[in-house]
Amino acid sequence: MVEKVITTALLTIGSVICATALIAVMYPTITSMASPFQSTTEKVSDRVKTDIKIIAEANTSSHAYIWVKNIGKNKIPHVDDCDVFYGPEGNFKRIASADWSYTIENDGGNNRWDIGETINITISNQTLDSGDYYVKIVTYNGIWDDDEFSI
């Protein structure tokens, strides 16, 4: 009878040691796998919650103005990191960041492009002839809107 108790105790102790060793080996692997999934989930969530809409365009003889509204559920923190494509239809190009600037039209006082706010992008150093033009705005996380208009 004592032999059965000792055998059971030894098997129980051995099982606990094996389970602890297995957890110690597997836990870092599981945690390291969770980090990329979490990062990917956060990026997808950010993209789903971000949306913009080009609402108007205007021009002078040397400047183009584009109004873009944040219609998503996220603020857009990096307006300077947006890509602006502009030009005659079929011959547009990416505008260098030195050739465009923006102002937040209805800023709540924090100088961020918050939900529901509109920015006015001014593209300078352009010769604007009459014709059809194309504009595309791409945010820091790849969300975009484009529009065609005539001058």
Protein backbone atom coordinates (compact mmCIF):
# COMPACT_ATOMS: atom_id res chain seq x y z
CA MET A 1 0.00 0.00 0.00
CA VAL A 2 2.82 2.39 0.87
CA GLU A 3 4.41 1.59 -2.48
CA LYS A 4 1.29 2.77 -4.33
CA VAL A 5 1.24 6.04 -2.39
CA ILE A 6 4.94 6.69 -3.08
CA THR A 7 4.50 5.80 -6.78
CA THR A 8 1.47 8.08 -7.07
CA ALA A 9 3.32 10.91 -5.32
CA LEU A 10 6.36 10.51 -7.58
CA LEU A 11 4.17 10.43 -10.71
CA THR A 12 2.29 13.54 -9.51
CA ILE A 13 5.53 15.41 -8.79
CA GLY A 14 6.95 14.35 -12.17
CA SER A 15 3.78 15.48 -13.95
CA VAL A 16 3.90 18.90 -12.26
CA ILE A 17 7.58 19.30 -13.18
CA CYS A 18 6.89 18.32 -16.81
CA ALA A 19 3.91 20.69 -17.05
CA THR A 20 5.97 23.55 -15.57
CA ALA A 21 8.85 22.88 -17.98
CA LEU A 22 6.44 22.74 -20.93
CA ILE A 23 4.84 26.05 -19.92
CA ALA A 24 8.28 27.64 -19.41
CA VAL A 25 9.32 26.59 -22.92
CA MET A 26 6.05 27.40 -24.71
CA TYR A 27 5.10 30.70 -23.02
CA PRO A 28 7.80 32.88 -24.67
CA THR A 29 6.96 31.39 -28.07
CA ILE A 30 3.25 32.06 -27.66
CA THR A 31 3.90 35.61 -26.44
CA SER A 32 6.23 36.39 -29.33
CA MET A 33 3.63 35.10 -31.79
CA ALA A 34 0.91 37.27 -30.23
CA SER A 35 2.84 40.52 -30.73
CA PRO A 36 2.77 40.54 -34.58
CA PHE A 37 -0.91 39.59 -34.55
CA GLN A 38 -1.68 42.42 -32.15
CA SER A 39 0.32 44.89 -34.26
CA THR A 40 -1.46 43.80 -37.44
CA THR A 41 -4.83 44.06 -35.74
CA GLU A 42 -4.05 47.61 -34.58
CA LYS A 43 -2.99 48.64 -38.11
CA VAL A 44 -6.14 47.17 -39.66
CA SER A 45 -8.28 48.88 -37.02
CA ASP A 46 -6.55 52.20 -37.76
CA ARG A 47 -7.21 51.83 -41.50
CA VAL A 48 -10.85 50.87 -40.98
CA LYS A 49 -11.45 53.90 -38.76
CA THR A 50 -9.72 56.38 -41.11
CA ASP A 51 -11.57 57.97 -44.02
CA ILE A 52 -11.32 61.23 -45.96
CA LYS A 53 -13.42 62.95 -48.62
CA ILE A 54 -12.37 65.61 -51.12
CA ILE A 55 -15.26 68.07 -50.95
CA ALA A 56 -14.20 70.99 -53.18
CA GLU A 57 -11.51 72.42 -55.45
CA ALA A 58 -10.75 75.98 -56.55
CA ASN A 59 -7.91 77.80 -58.28
CA THR A 60 -6.20 81.07 -59.02
CA SER A 61 -3.74 81.60 -61.84
CA SER A 62 -0.88 80.00 -59.87
CA HIS A 63 -2.43 78.11 -56.93
CA ALA A 64 -4.85 75.22 -56.57
CA TYR A 65 -6.94 74.77 -53.44
CA ILE A 66 -8.37 71.44 -52.33
CA TRP A 67 -10.67 71.01 -49.33
CA VAL A 68 -10.57 67.58 -47.70
CA LYS A 69 -12.80 66.48 -44.81
CA ASN A 70 -11.93 63.86 -42.19
CA ILE A 71 -15.08 61.69 -42.27
CA GLY A 72 -13.60 58.74 -40.38
CA LYS A 73 -13.66 57.80 -36.72
CA ASN A 74 -9.94 58.62 -36.14
CA LYS A 75 -8.01 61.85 -36.01
CA ILE A 76 -5.32 62.01 -38.69
CA PRO A 77 -2.11 62.82 -36.82
CA HIS A 78 0.37 63.18 -39.67
CA VAL A 79 -1.07 65.55 -42.28
CA ASP A 80 2.48 66.37 -43.42
CA ASP A 81 2.95 62.69 -44.25
CA CYS A 82 0.06 62.68 -46.72
CA ASP A 83 0.84 62.26 -50.41
CA VAL A 84 -0.73 64.76 -52.79
CA PHE A 85 -1.03 63.86 -56.48
CA TYR A 86 -2.17 66.63 -58.79
CA GLY A 87 -2.10 67.73 -62.41
CA PRO A 88 -3.83 67.60 -65.74
CA GLU A 89 -5.76 64.40 -66.18
CA GLY A 90 -3.43 61.74 -67.59
CA ASN A 91 -0.36 63.80 -66.68
CA PHE A 92 -0.57 64.22 -62.90
CA LYS A 93 2.35 63.76 -60.53
CA ARG A 94 3.16 63.58 -56.85
CA ILE A 95 3.55 67.09 -55.49
CA ALA A 96 6.66 67.60 -53.36
CA SER A 97 5.87 68.51 -49.76
CA ALA A 98 7.64 71.86 -50.27
CA ASP A 99 5.05 72.78 -52.92
CA TRP A 100 1.95 72.26 -50.81
CA SER A 101 0.75 73.43 -47.44
CA TYR A 102 -2.42 73.11 -45.45
CA THR A 103 -4.55 74.90 -42.91
CA ILE A 104 -7.26 73.40 -40.77
CA GLU A 105 -10.40 75.36 -41.61
CA ASN A 106 -12.50 74.54 -38.55
CA ASP A 107 -9.81 73.58 -36.05
CA GLY A 108 -10.92 73.11 -32.47
CA GLY A 109 -7.74 74.87 -31.34
CA ASN A 110 -5.39 71.90 -31.12
CA ASN A 111 -3.76 72.02 -34.60
CA ARG A 112 -4.74 68.38 -35.31
CA TRP A 113 -6.93 67.08 -38.13
CA ASP A 114 -9.69 65.76 -35.91
CA ILE A 115 -12.89 63.93 -36.80
CA GLY A 116 -15.22 66.17 -38.81
CA GLU A 117 -12.62 68.87 -39.52
CA THR A 118 -11.72 70.10 -43.00
CA ILE A 119 -8.26 70.99 -44.25
CA ASN A 120 -7.53 73.38 -47.10
CA ILE A 121 -4.54 72.17 -49.11
CA THR A 122 -2.83 74.89 -51.13
CA ILE A 123 -0.70 73.70 -54.05
CA SER A 124 1.67 76.42 -55.21
CA ASN A 125 4.06 76.82 -58.14
CA GLN A 126 1.55 75.51 -60.67
CA THR A 127 0.62 76.87 -64.09
CA LEU A 128 -3.10 76.33 -64.34
CA ASP A 129 -4.42 76.19 -67.87
CA SER A 130 -8.03 75.42 -68.65
CA GLY A 131 -8.83 71.73 -68.88
CA ASP A 132 -9.56 68.66 -66.79
CA TYR A 133 -7.50 68.09 -63.64
CA TYR A 134 -7.02 65.17 -61.26
CA VAL A 135 -6.25 65.23 -57.54
CA LYS A 136 -5.60 62.35 -55.15
CA ILE A 137 -4.85 62.62 -51.43
CA VAL A 138 -3.33 59.61 -49.63
CA THR A 139 -3.08 59.56 -45.81
CA TYR A 140 -0.15 58.22 -43.77
CA ASN A 141 -1.83 54.80 -43.53
CA GLY A 142 -2.81 54.41 -47.20
CA ILE A 143 -6.41 55.64 -47.11
CA TRP A 144 -7.16 57.84 -50.14
CA ASP A 145 -9.72 59.81 -52.07
CA ASP A 146 -9.48 61.24 -55.56
CA ASP A 147 -11.46 63.62 -57.72
CA GLU A 148 -11.55 65.05 -61.21
CA PHE A 149 -12.50 68.65 -61.91
CA SER A 150 -12.32 71.22 -64.69
CA ILE A 151 -10.82 74.68 -64.82
